[in-house]
Amino acid sequence: MSSLRLARLAVDKVVNAPNDTSVLYPKSGGNLHCFTAVTPCAVLDILAPPYLEAAGRRCTYYHDYPYSSFAHGDEIVDNGKEQEYAWLAVVDTPEDLYMRPGRYIGPDIQR
């Protein structure tokens, strides 16, 4: 798979209410995240500015594979922390995904 990219886990935690807001910055640490519900819950994921393909703000989806799935003789990770790494492959947008589009109010748009 030539489209695989190596990723390193930054945070893996269970979040309970009430909880402080989490902020992700694409140019300093990335904005790659995954939510897994341990109990019934709701997640409010606000993107500002919103996704806009024409402006280069794409929403990309990935399938993750354990690091060991594609590791070979010239392994990148050899420090005993392989569980912190995964291979990511781009996949199509999930069919059951619902995202409510927002409205960007920029300097050229009247409120």
PDB file of N, CA and C in Angstrom:
ATOM      1  N   MET A   1       0.848  -1.191   0.000  1.00  0.00           N
ATOM      2  CA  MET A   1       0.000   0.000   0.000  1.00  0.00           C
ATOM      3  C   MET A   1       0.881   1.238   0.000  1.00  0.00           C
ATOM      4  N   SER A   2       0.961   1.895  -1.117  1.00  0.00           N
ATOM      5  CA  SER A   2       1.825   3.060  -1.223  1.00  0.00           C
ATOM      6  C   SER A   2       1.194   4.305  -0.608  1.00  0.00           C
ATOM      7  N   SER A   3      -0.106   4.280  -0.332  1.00  0.00           N
ATOM      8  CA  SER A   3      -0.767   5.453   0.220  1.00  0.00           C
ATOM      9  C   SER A   3      -0.748   5.486   1.747  1.00  0.00           C
ATOM     10  N   LEU A   4      -0.045   4.583   2.367  1.00  0.00           N
ATOM     11  CA  LEU A   4       0.033   4.559   3.826  1.00  0.00           C
ATOM     12  C   LEU A   4       0.902   5.686   4.347  1.00  0.00           C
ATOM     13  N   ARG A   5       0.491   6.258   5.465  1.00  0.00           N
ATOM     14  CA  ARG A   5       1.278   7.293   6.136  1.00  0.00           C
ATOM     15  C   ARG A   5       1.444   6.876   7.589  1.00  0.00           C
ATOM     16  N   LEU A   6       2.616   7.088   8.124  1.00  0.00           N
ATOM     17  CA  LEU A   6       2.882   6.750   9.519  1.00  0.00           C
ATOM     18  C   LEU A   6       2.406   7.891  10.411  1.00  0.00           C
ATOM     19  N   ALA A   7       1.699   7.539  11.482  1.00  0.00           N
ATOM     20  CA  ALA A   7       1.203   8.532  12.432  1.00  0.00           C
ATOM     21  C   ALA A   7       1.598   8.114  13.844  1.00  0.00           C
ATOM     22  N   ARG A   8       1.829   9.103  14.704  1.00  0.00           N
ATOM     23  CA  ARG A   8       2.168   8.840  16.104  1.00  0.00           C
ATOM     24  C   ARG A   8       1.038   9.355  16.979  1.00  0.00           C
ATOM     25  N   LEU A   9       0.625   8.542  17.924  1.00  0.00           N
ATOM     26  CA  LEU A   9      -0.424   8.903  18.860  1.00  0.00           C
ATOM     27  C   LEU A   9       0.057  10.016  19.773  1.00  0.00           C
ATOM     28  N   ALA A  10      -0.734  11.070  19.888  1.00  0.00           N
ATOM     29  CA  ALA A  10      -0.394  12.183  20.773  1.00  0.00           C
ATOM     30  C   ALA A  10      -1.117  12.047  22.104  1.00  0.00           C
ATOM     31  N   VAL A  11      -2.408  11.702  22.068  1.00  0.00           N
ATOM     32  CA  VAL A  11      -3.218  11.591  23.280  1.00  0.00           C
ATOM     33  C   VAL A  11      -4.215  10.452  23.106  1.00  0.00           C
ATOM     34  N   ASP A  12      -4.392   9.665  24.139  1.00  0.00           N
ATOM     35  CA  ASP A  12      -5.414   8.624  24.160  1.00  0.00           C
ATOM     36  C   ASP A  12      -6.029   8.675  25.543  1.00  0.00           C
ATOM     37  N   LYS A  13      -7.251   9.208  25.632  1.00  0.00           N
ATOM     38  CA  LYS A  13      -7.849   9.364  26.950  1.00  0.00           C
ATOM     39  C   LYS A  13      -9.357   9.249  26.884  1.00  0.00           C
ATOM     40  N   VAL A  14      -9.931   8.893  28.014  1.00  0.00           N
ATOM     41  CA  VAL A  14     -11.375   8.884  28.165  1.00  0.00           C
ATOM     42  C   VAL A  14     -11.761  10.226  28.755  1.00  0.00           C
ATOM     43  N   VAL A  15     -12.719  10.878  28.130  1.00  0.00           N
ATOM     44  CA  VAL A  15     -13.162  12.199  28.570  1.00  0.00           C
ATOM     45  C   VAL A  15     -14.552  12.063  29.169  1.00  0.00           C
ATOM     46  N   ASN A  16     -14.727  12.594  30.362  1.00  0.00           N
ATOM     47  CA  ASN A  16     -16.025  12.575  31.043  1.00  0.00           C
ATOM     48  C   ASN A  16     -16.527  13.997  31.221  1.00  0.00           C
ATOM     49  N   ALA A  17     -17.858  14.137  31.251  1.00  0.00           N
ATOM     50  CA  ALA A  17     -18.459  15.454  31.480  1.00  0.00           C
ATOM     51  C   ALA A  17     -18.421  15.767  32.968  1.00  0.00           C
ATOM     52  N   PRO A  18     -18.287  16.996  33.346  1.00  0.00           N
ATOM     53  CA  PRO A  18     -17.916  18.120  32.482  1.00  0.00           C
ATOM     54  C   PRO A  18     -16.423  18.058  32.162  1.00  0.00           C
ATOM     55  N   ASN A  19     -16.053  18.628  31.036  1.00  0.00           N
ATOM     56  CA  ASN A  19     -14.669  18.575  30.600  1.00  0.00           C
ATOM     57  C   ASN A  19     -14.303  19.883  29.908  1.00  0.00           C
ATOM     58  N   ASP A  20     -13.060  20.271  30.026  1.00  0.00           N
ATOM     59  CA  ASP A  20     -12.600  21.473  29.341  1.00  0.00           C
ATOM     60  C   ASP A  20     -12.605  21.247  27.828  1.00  0.00           C
ATOM     61  N   THR A  21     -12.671  22.316  27.091  1.00  0.00           N
ATOM     62  CA  THR A  21     -12.638  22.271  25.641  1.00  0.00           C
ATOM     63  C   THR A  21     -11.264  21.816  25.166  1.00  0.00           C
ATOM     64  N   SER A  22     -11.243  20.961  24.160  1.00  0.00           N
ATOM     65  CA  SER A  22      -9.989  20.547  23.526  1.00  0.00           C
ATOM     66  C   SER A  22      -9.835  21.339  22.236  1.00  0.00           C
ATOM     67  N   VAL A  23      -8.642  21.832  21.975  1.00  0.00           N
ATOM     68  CA  VAL A  23      -8.380  22.594  20.762  1.00  0.00           C
ATOM     69  C   VAL A  23      -7.242  21.917  20.011  1.00  0.00           C
ATOM     70  N   LEU A  24      -7.449  21.694  18.722  1.00  0.00           N
ATOM     71  CA  LEU A  24      -6.438  21.083  17.870  1.00  0.00           C
ATOM     72  C   LEU A  24      -6.032  22.089  16.801  1.00  0.00           C
ATOM     73  N   TYR A  25      -4.744  22.178  16.555  1.00  0.00           N
ATOM     74  CA  TYR A  25      -4.230  23.116  15.557  1.00  0.00           C
ATOM     75  C   TYR A  25      -3.556  22.333  14.442  1.00  0.00           C
ATOM     76  N   PRO A  26      -4.036  22.441  13.193  1.00  0.00           N
ATOM     77  CA  PRO A  26      -3.499  21.646  12.097  1.00  0.00           C
ATOM     78  C   PRO A  26      -2.016  21.861  11.802  1.00  0.00           C
ATOM     79  N   LYS A  27      -1.492  23.040  12.067  1.00  0.00           N
ATOM     80  CA  LYS A  27      -0.091  23.294  11.723  1.00  0.00           C
ATOM     81  C   LYS A  27       0.858  23.075  12.890  1.00  0.00           C
ATOM     82  N   SER A  28       0.345  22.747  14.055  1.00  0.00           N
ATOM     83  CA  SER A  28       1.221  22.470  15.197  1.00  0.00           C
ATOM     84  C   SER A  28       0.650  21.301  15.993  1.00  0.00           C
ATOM     85  N   GLY A  29       0.862  20.117  15.477  1.00  0.00           N
ATOM     86  CA  GLY A  29       0.387  18.939  16.177  1.00  0.00           C
ATOM     87  C   GLY A  29      -0.692  18.186  15.439  1.00  0.00           C
ATOM     88  N   GLY A  30      -1.360  18.845  14.535  1.00  0.00           N
ATOM     89  CA  GLY A  30      -2.339  18.163  13.710  1.00  0.00           C
ATOM     90  C   GLY A  30      -3.751  18.214  14.233  1.00  0.00           C
ATOM     91  N   ASN A  31      -4.643  17.812  13.377  1.00  0.00           N
ATOM     92  CA  ASN A  31      -6.057  17.790  13.715  1.00  0.00           C
ATOM     93  C   ASN A  31      -6.634  16.462  13.265  1.00  0.00           C
ATOM     94  N   LEU A  32      -5.999  15.410  13.672  1.00  0.00           N
ATOM     95  CA  LEU A  32      -6.446  14.067  13.349  1.00  0.00           C
ATOM     96  C   LEU A  32      -7.016  13.493  14.627  1.00  0.00           C
ATOM     97  N   HIS A  33      -8.293  13.124  14.601  1.00  0.00           N
ATOM     98  CA  HIS A  33      -8.902  12.650  15.821  1.00  0.00           C
ATOM     99  C   HIS A  33      -9.929  11.567  15.536  1.00  0.00           C
ATOM    100  N   CYS A  34     -10.211  10.802  16.571  1.00  0.00           N
ATOM    101  CA  CYS A  34     -11.162   9.712  16.495  1.00  0.00           C
ATOM    102  C   CYS A  34     -11.952   9.710  17.794  1.00  0.00           C
ATOM    103  N   PHE A  35     -13.259   9.563  17.691  1.00  0.00           N
ATOM    104  CA  PHE A  35     -14.110   9.490  18.870  1.00  0.00           C
ATOM    105  C   PHE A  35     -14.678   8.079  18.966  1.00  0.00           C
ATOM    106  N   THR A  36     -14.625   7.497  20.148  1.00  0.00           N
ATOM    107  CA  THR A  36     -15.246   6.202  20.410  1.00  0.00           C
ATOM    108  C   THR A  36     -16.087   6.354  21.662  1.00  0.00           C
ATOM    109  N   ALA A  37     -17.385   6.147  21.549  1.00  0.00           N
ATOM    110  CA  ALA A  37     -18.278   6.299  22.694  1.00  0.00           C
ATOM    111  C   ALA A  37     -18.159   5.090  23.613  1.00  0.00           C
ATOM    112  N   VAL A  38     -17.860   5.349  24.875  1.00  0.00           N
ATOM    113  CA  VAL A  38     -17.821   4.298  25.890  1.00  0.00           C
ATOM    114  C   VAL A  38     -19.221   4.144  26.489  1.00  0.00           C
ATOM    115  N   THR A  39     -19.936   5.250  26.568  1.00  0.00           N
ATOM    116  CA  THR A  39     -21.331   5.283  27.010  1.00  0.00           C
ATOM    117  C   THR A  39     -22.083   6.188  26.037  1.00  0.00           C
ATOM    118  N   PRO A  40     -23.418   6.187  26.064  1.00  0.00           N
ATOM    119  CA  PRO A  40     -24.148   7.109  25.180  1.00  0.00           C
ATOM    120  C   PRO A  40     -23.695   8.548  25.428  1.00  0.00           C
ATOM    121  N   CYS A  41     -23.424   9.263  24.361  1.00  0.00           N
ATOM    122  CA  CYS A  41     -22.908  10.618  24.503  1.00  0.00           C
ATOM    123  C   CYS A  41     -23.126  11.404  23.219  1.00  0.00           C
ATOM    124  N   ALA A  42     -22.797  12.665  23.270  1.00  0.00           N
ATOM    125  CA  ALA A  42     -22.825  13.536  22.097  1.00  0.00           C
ATOM    126  C   ALA A  42     -21.484  14.253  22.025  1.00  0.00           C
ATOM    127  N   VAL A  43     -21.005  14.464  20.820  1.00  0.00           N
ATOM    128  CA  VAL A  43     -19.751  15.183  20.608  1.00  0.00           C
ATOM    129  C   VAL A  43     -20.054  16.372  19.716  1.00  0.00           C
ATOM    130  N   LEU A  44     -19.634  17.526  20.145  1.00  0.00           N
ATOM    131  CA  LEU A  44     -19.782  18.734  19.339  1.00  0.00           C
ATOM    132  C   LEU A  44     -18.384  19.079  18.828  1.00  0.00           C
ATOM    133  N   ASP A  45     -18.187  18.924  17.538  1.00  0.00           N
ATOM    134  CA  ASP A  45     -16.892  19.149  16.907  1.00  0.00           C
ATOM    135  C   ASP A  45     -17.042  20.386  16.027  1.00  0.00           C
ATOM    136  N   ILE A  46     -16.485  21.506  16.470  1.00  0.00           N
ATOM    137  CA  ILE A  46     -16.618  22.766  15.738  1.00  0.00           C
ATOM    138  C   ILE A  46     -15.325  23.048  14.986  1.00  0.00           C
ATOM    139  N   LEU A  47     -15.454  23.313  13.707  1.00  0.00           N
ATOM    140  CA  LEU A  47     -14.309  23.610  12.863  1.00  0.00           C
ATOM    141  C   LEU A  47     -14.403  25.053  12.406  1.00  0.00           C
ATOM    142  N   ALA A  48     -13.375  25.815  12.686  1.00  0.00           N
ATOM    143  CA  ALA A  48     -13.407  27.227  12.311  1.00  0.00           C
ATOM    144  C   ALA A  48     -12.068  27.621  11.713  1.00  0.00           C
ATOM    145  N   PRO A  49     -12.017  28.045  10.482  1.00  0.00           N
ATOM    146  CA  PRO A  49     -13.126  28.099   9.542  1.00  0.00           C
ATOM    147  C   PRO A  49     -13.537  26.688   9.121  1.00  0.00           C
ATOM    148  N   PRO A  50     -14.760  26.539   8.557  1.00  0.00           N
ATOM    149  CA  PRO A  50     -15.250  25.210   8.193  1.00  0.00           C
ATOM    150  C   PRO A  50     -14.493  24.625   7.002  1.00  0.00           C
ATOM    151  N   TYR A  51     -14.702  23.326   6.784  1.00  0.00           N
ATOM    152  CA  TYR A  51     -14.115  22.684   5.616  1.00  0.00           C
ATOM    153  C   TYR A  51     -14.564  23.410   4.355  1.00  0.00           C
ATOM    154  N   LEU A  52     -13.644  23.568   3.425  1.00  0.00           N
ATOM    155  CA  LEU A  52     -13.957  24.182   2.138  1.00  0.00           C
ATOM    156  C   LEU A  52     -12.904  23.691   1.154  1.00  0.00           C
ATOM    157  N   GLU A  53     -13.291  22.750   0.330  1.00  0.00           N
ATOM    158  CA  GLU A  53     -12.369  22.107  -0.611  1.00  0.00           C
ATOM    159  C   GLU A  53     -11.613  23.126  -1.460  1.00  0.00           C
ATOM    160  N   ALA A  54     -12.307  24.123  -1.981  1.00  0.00           N
ATOM    161  CA  ALA A  54     -11.690  25.122  -2.858  1.00  0.00           C
ATOM    162  C   ALA A  54     -10.598  25.924  -2.155  1.00  0.00           C
ATOM    163  N   ALA A  55     -10.680  26.045  -0.839  1.00  0.00           N
ATOM    164  CA  ALA A  55      -9.692  26.805  -0.074  1.00  0.00           C
ATOM    165  C   ALA A  55      -8.615  25.890   0.521  1.00  0.00           C
ATOM    166  N   GLY A  56      -8.647  24.601   0.162  1.00  0.00           N
ATOM    167  CA  GLY A  56      -7.647  23.679   0.665  1.00  0.00           C
ATOM    168  C   GLY A  56      -7.943  23.135   2.057  1.00  0.00           C
ATOM    169  N   ARG A  57      -9.145  23.344   2.560  1.00  0.00           N
ATOM    170  CA  ARG A  57      -9.529  22.818   3.879  1.00  0.00           C
ATOM    171  C   ARG A  57     -10.389  21.582   3.657  1.00  0.00           C
ATOM    172  N   ARG A  58      -9.708  20.461   3.434  1.00  0.00           N
ATOM    173  CA  ARG A  58     -10.373  19.201   3.133  1.00  0.00           C
ATOM    174  C   ARG A  58     -10.607  18.378   4.394  1.00  0.00           C
ATOM    175  N   CYS A  59     -11.639  17.584   4.354  1.00  0.00           N
ATOM    176  CA  CYS A  59     -11.905  16.631   5.426  1.00  0.00           C
ATOM    177  C   CYS A  59     -11.535  15.260   4.862  1.00  0.00           C
ATOM    178  N   THR A  60     -10.574  14.612   5.463  1.00  0.00           N
ATOM    179  CA  THR A  60     -10.088  13.333   4.978  1.00  0.00           C
ATOM    180  C   THR A  60     -10.334  12.276   6.043  1.00  0.00           C
ATOM    181  N   TYR A  61     -10.716  11.092   5.621  1.00  0.00           N
ATOM    182  CA  TYR A  61     -10.990   9.988   6.530  1.00  0.00           C
ATOM    183  C   TYR A  61      -9.953   8.903   6.321  1.00  0.00           C
ATOM    184  N   TYR A  62      -9.604   8.205   7.414  1.00  0.00           N
ATOM    185  CA  TYR A  62      -8.548   7.205   7.373  1.00  0.00           C
ATOM    186  C   TYR A  62      -8.985   5.915   8.047  1.00  0.00           C
ATOM    187  N   HIS A  63      -8.379   4.835   7.626  1.00  0.00           N
ATOM    188  CA  HIS A  63      -8.450   3.566   8.357  1.00  0.00           C
ATOM    189  C   HIS A  63      -7.067   3.391   8.963  1.00  0.00           C
ATOM    190  N   ASP A  64      -7.023   3.020  10.237  1.00  0.00           N
ATOM    191  CA  ASP A  64      -5.716   2.844  10.865  1.00  0.00           C
ATOM    192  C   ASP A  64      -5.381   1.358  11.000  1.00  0.00           C
ATOM    193  N   TYR A  65      -4.110   1.059  10.764  1.00  0.00           N
ATOM    194  CA  TYR A  65      -3.582  -0.291  10.878  1.00  0.00           C
ATOM    195  C   TYR A  65      -2.491  -0.281  11.936  1.00  0.00           C
ATOM    196  N   PRO A  66      -2.410  -1.331  12.755  1.00  0.00           N
ATOM    197  CA  PRO A  66      -1.324  -1.387  13.748  1.00  0.00           C
ATOM    198  C   PRO A  66       0.026  -1.257  13.057  1.00  0.00           C
ATOM    199  N   TYR A  67       0.951  -0.633  13.747  1.00  0.00           N
ATOM    200  CA  TYR A  67       2.286  -0.423  13.185  1.00  0.00           C
ATOM    201  C   TYR A  67       2.891  -1.730  12.690  1.00  0.00           C
ATOM    202  N   SER A  68       2.720  -2.800  13.451  1.00  0.00           N
ATOM    203  CA  SER A  68       3.346  -4.085  13.114  1.00  0.00           C
ATOM    204  C   SER A  68       2.785  -4.690  11.828  1.00  0.00           C
ATOM    205  N   SER A  69       1.625  -4.238  11.355  1.00  0.00           N
ATOM    206  CA  SER A  69       1.026  -4.787  10.139  1.00  0.00           C
ATOM    207  C   SER A  69       1.882  -4.582   8.902  1.00  0.00           C
ATOM    208  N   PHE A  70       2.632  -3.478   8.852  1.00  0.00           N
ATOM    209  CA  PHE A  70       3.408  -3.168   7.670  1.00  0.00           C
ATOM    210  C   PHE A  70       4.876  -2.926   7.990  1.00  0.00           C
ATOM    211  N   ALA A  71       5.292  -3.251   9.196  1.00  0.00           N
ATOM    212  CA  ALA A  71       6.694  -3.061   9.575  1.00  0.00           C
ATOM    213  C   ALA A  71       7.545  -4.107   8.854  1.00  0.00           C
ATOM    214  N   HIS A  72       8.773  -3.723   8.514  1.00  0.00           N
ATOM    215  CA  HIS A  72       9.696  -4.663   7.883  1.00  0.00           C
ATOM    216  C   HIS A  72      11.102  -4.362   8.351  1.00  0.00           C
ATOM    217  N   GLY A  73      12.087  -4.954   7.749  1.00  0.00           N
ATOM    218  CA  GLY A  73      13.472  -4.863   8.197  1.00  0.00           C
ATOM    219  C   GLY A  73      13.972  -3.467   8.519  1.00  0.00           C
ATOM    220  N   ASP A  74      13.579  -2.463   7.780  1.00  0.00           N
ATOM    221  CA  ASP A  74      14.056  -1.107   8.021  1.00  0.00           C
ATOM    222  C   ASP A  74      13.038  -0.324   8.856  1.00  0.00           C
ATOM    223  N   GLU A  75      12.643  -0.922   9.971  1.00  0.00           N
ATOM    224  CA  GLU A  75      11.618  -0.328  10.821  1.00  0.00           C
ATOM    225  C   GLU A  75      11.995   1.073  11.273  1.00  0.00           C
ATOM    226  N   ILE A  76      10.994   1.953  11.274  1.00  0.00           N
ATOM    227  CA  ILE A  76      11.183   3.328  11.710  1.00  0.00           C
ATOM    228  C   ILE A  76      11.157   3.406  13.226  1.00  0.00           C
ATOM    229  N   VAL A  77      10.314   2.588  13.836  1.00  0.00           N
ATOM    230  CA  VAL A  77      10.145   2.604  15.286  1.00  0.00           C
ATOM    231  C   VAL A  77      10.863   1.398  15.867  1.00  0.00           C
ATOM    232  N   ASP A  78      11.848   1.627  16.700  1.00  0.00           N
ATOM    233  CA  ASP A  78      12.556   0.507  17.327  1.00  0.00           C
ATOM    234  C   ASP A  78      12.823   0.783  18.800  1.00  0.00           C
ATOM    235  N   ASN A  79      12.016   1.631  19.396  1.00  0.00           N
ATOM    236  CA  ASN A  79      12.243   2.014  20.778  1.00  0.00           C
ATOM    237  C   ASN A  79      11.305   1.310  21.752  1.00  0.00           C
ATOM    238  N   GLY A  80      10.617   0.252  21.306  1.00  0.00           N
ATOM    239  CA  GLY A  80       9.709  -0.461  22.180  1.00  0.00           C
ATOM    240  C   GLY A  80       8.377   0.239  22.371  1.00  0.00           C
ATOM    241  N   LYS A  81       8.119   1.285  21.603  1.00  0.00           N
ATOM    242  CA  LYS A  81       6.864   2.032  21.740  1.00  0.00           C
ATOM    243  C   LYS A  81       6.025   1.932  20.468  1.00  0.00           C
ATOM    244  N   GLU A  82       6.053   0.774  19.826  1.00  0.00           N
ATOM    245  CA  GLU A  82       5.326   0.593  18.575  1.00  0.00           C
ATOM    246  C   GLU A  82       3.831   0.852  18.737  1.00  0.00           C
ATOM    247  N   GLN A  83       3.271   0.620  19.940  1.00  0.00           N
ATOM    248  CA  GLN A  83       1.841   0.839  20.166  1.00  0.00           C
ATOM    249  C   GLN A  83       1.453   2.313  20.031  1.00  0.00           C
ATOM    250  N   GLU A  84       2.416   3.210  20.035  1.00  0.00           N
ATOM    251  CA  GLU A  84       2.132   4.636  19.860  1.00  0.00           C
ATOM    252  C   GLU A  84       2.042   5.029  18.385  1.00  0.00           C
ATOM    253  N   TYR A  85       2.280   4.082  17.488  1.00  0.00           N
ATOM    254  CA  TYR A  85       2.296   4.374  16.056  1.00  0.00           C
ATOM    255  C   TYR A  85       1.255   3.543  15.320  1.00  0.00           C
ATOM    256  N   ALA A  86       0.788   4.075  14.196  1.00  0.00           N
ATOM    257  CA  ALA A  86      -0.138   3.346  13.338  1.00  0.00           C
ATOM    258  C   ALA A  86       0.071   3.807  11.903  1.00  0.00           C
ATOM    259  N   TRP A  87      -0.295   2.943  10.978  1.00  0.00           N
ATOM    260  CA  TRP A  87      -0.280   3.292   9.568  1.00  0.00           C
ATOM    261  C   TRP A  87      -1.676   3.739   9.192  1.00  0.00           C
ATOM    262  N   LEU A  88      -1.791   4.839   8.485  1.00  0.00           N
ATOM    263  CA  LEU A  88      -3.086   5.382   8.079  1.00  0.00           C
ATOM    264  C   LEU A  88      -3.239   5.289   6.571  1.00  0.00           C
ATOM    265  N   ALA A  89      -4.417   4.829   6.148  1.00  0.00           N
ATOM    266  CA  ALA A  89      -4.746   4.754   4.726  1.00  0.00           C
ATOM    267  C   ALA A  89      -6.011   5.580   4.494  1.00  0.00           C
ATOM    268  N   VAL A  90      -5.995   6.439   3.493  1.00  0.00           N
ATOM    269  CA  VAL A  90      -7.149   7.261   3.165  1.00  0.00           C
ATOM    270  C   VAL A  90      -8.293   6.369   2.689  1.00  0.00           C
ATOM    271  N   VAL A  91      -9.504   6.648   3.180  1.00  0.00           N
ATOM    272  CA  VAL A  91     -10.704   5.916   2.769  1.00  0.00           C
ATOM    273  C   VAL A  91     -11.770   6.923   2.339  1.00  0.00           C
ATOM    274  N   ASP A  92     -12.802   6.424   1.673  1.00  0.00           N
ATOM    275  CA  ASP A  92     -13.910   7.282   1.259  1.00  0.00           C
ATOM    276  C   ASP A  92     -14.666   7.786   2.484  1.00  0.00           C
ATOM    277  N   THR A  93     -15.387   8.873   2.309  1.00  0.00           N
ATOM    278  CA  THR A  93     -16.217   9.410   3.386  1.00  0.00           C
ATOM    279  C   THR A  93     -17.237   8.356   3.797  1.00  0.00           C
ATOM    280  N   PRO A  94     -17.365   8.092   5.094  1.00  0.00           N
ATOM    281  CA  PRO A  94     -18.344   7.084   5.545  1.00  0.00           C
ATOM    282  C   PRO A  94     -19.754   7.437   5.076  1.00  0.00           C
ATOM    283  N   GLU A  95     -20.490   6.435   4.608  1.00  0.00           N
ATOM    284  CA  GLU A  95     -21.842   6.667   4.083  1.00  0.00           C
ATOM    285  C   GLU A  95     -22.809   7.127   5.163  1.00  0.00           C
ATOM    286  N   ASP A  96     -22.589   6.721   6.401  1.00  0.00           N
ATOM    287  CA  ASP A  96     -23.526   7.063   7.476  1.00  0.00           C
ATOM    288  C   ASP A  96     -23.138   8.340   8.228  1.00  0.00           C
ATOM    289  N   LEU A  97     -22.195   9.085   7.679  1.00  0.00           N
ATOM    290  CA  LEU A  97     -21.747  10.313   8.335  1.00  0.00           C
ATOM    291  C   LEU A  97     -22.742  11.438   8.090  1.00  0.00           C
ATOM    292  N   TYR A  98     -23.077  12.162   9.142  1.00  0.00           N
ATOM    293  CA  TYR A  98     -23.903  13.353   8.993  1.00  0.00           C
ATOM    294  C   TYR A  98     -23.131  14.519   9.588  1.00  0.00           C
ATOM    295  N   MET A  99     -22.906  15.527   8.786  1.00  0.00           N
ATOM    296  CA  MET A  99     -22.219  16.723   9.248  1.00  0.00           C
ATOM    297  C   MET A  99     -23.079  17.918   8.865  1.00  0.00           C
ATOM    298  N   ARG A 100     -23.451  18.690   9.849  1.00  0.00           N
ATOM    299  CA  ARG A 100     -24.239  19.887   9.555  1.00  0.00           C
ATOM    300  C   ARG A 100     -23.283  20.987   9.143  1.00  0.00           C
ATOM    301  N   PRO A 101     -23.448  21.534   7.939  1.00  0.00           N
ATOM    302  CA  PRO A 101     -22.535  22.589   7.496  1.00  0.00           C
ATOM    303  C   PRO A 101     -22.743  23.869   8.297  1.00  0.00           C
ATOM    304  N   GLY A 102     -21.659  24.531   8.582  1.00  0.00           N
ATOM    305  CA  GLY A 102     -21.724  25.796   9.293  1.00  0.00           C
ATOM    306  C   GLY A 102     -21.742  26.952   8.322  1.00  0.00           C
ATOM    307  N   ARG A 103     -21.670  28.127   8.867  1.00  0.00           N
ATOM    308  CA  ARG A 103     -21.639  29.321   8.032  1.00  0.00           C
ATOM    309  C   ARG A 103     -20.430  30.137   8.442  1.00  0.00           C
ATOM    310  N   TYR A 104     -19.538  30.339   7.513  1.00  0.00           N
ATOM    311  CA  TYR A 104     -18.320  31.105   7.790  1.00  0.00           C
ATOM    312  C   TYR A 104     -18.611  32.584   7.632  1.00  0.00           C
ATOM    313  N   ILE A 105     -18.312  33.337   8.674  1.00  0.00           N
ATOM    314  CA  ILE A 105     -18.477  34.787   8.611  1.00  0.00           C
ATOM    315  C   ILE A 105     -17.073  35.381   8.609  1.00  0.00           C
ATOM    316  N   GLY A 106     -16.590  35.685   7.433  1.00  0.00           N
ATOM    317  CA  GLY A 106     -15.256  36.226   7.286  1.00  0.00           C
ATOM    318  C   GLY A 106     -15.297  37.735   7.125  1.00  0.00           C
ATOM    319  N   PRO A 107     -14.156  38.336   6.908  1.00  0.00           N
ATOM    320  CA  PRO A 107     -14.088  39.796   6.790  1.00  0.00           C
ATOM    321  C   PRO A 107     -14.855  40.346   5.594  1.00  0.00           C
ATOM    322  N   ASP A 108     -15.092  39.496   4.564  1.00  0.00           N
ATOM    323  CA  ASP A 108     -15.790  39.971   3.376  1.00  0.00           C
ATOM    324  C   ASP A 108     -17.299  39.685   3.412  1.00  0.00           C
ATOM    325  N   ILE A 109     -17.801  39.150   4.522  1.00  0.00           N
ATOM    326  CA  ILE A 109     -19.218  38.798   4.631  1.00  0.00           C
ATOM    327  C   ILE A 109     -19.844  39.602   5.757  1.00  0.00           C
ATOM    328  N   GLN A 110     -20.957  40.231   5.459  1.00  0.00           N
ATOM    329  CA  GLN A 110     -21.670  40.999   6.483  1.00  0.00           C
ATOM    330  C   GLN A 110     -22.397  40.051   7.419  1.00  0.00           C
ATOM    331  N   ARG A 111     -22.431  40.392   8.685  1.00  0.00           N
ATOM    332  CA  ARG A 111     -23.132  39.559   9.676  1.00  0.00           C
ATOM    333  C   ARG A 111     -24.610  39.820   9.646  1.00  0.00           C
TER     334      ARG A 111
END
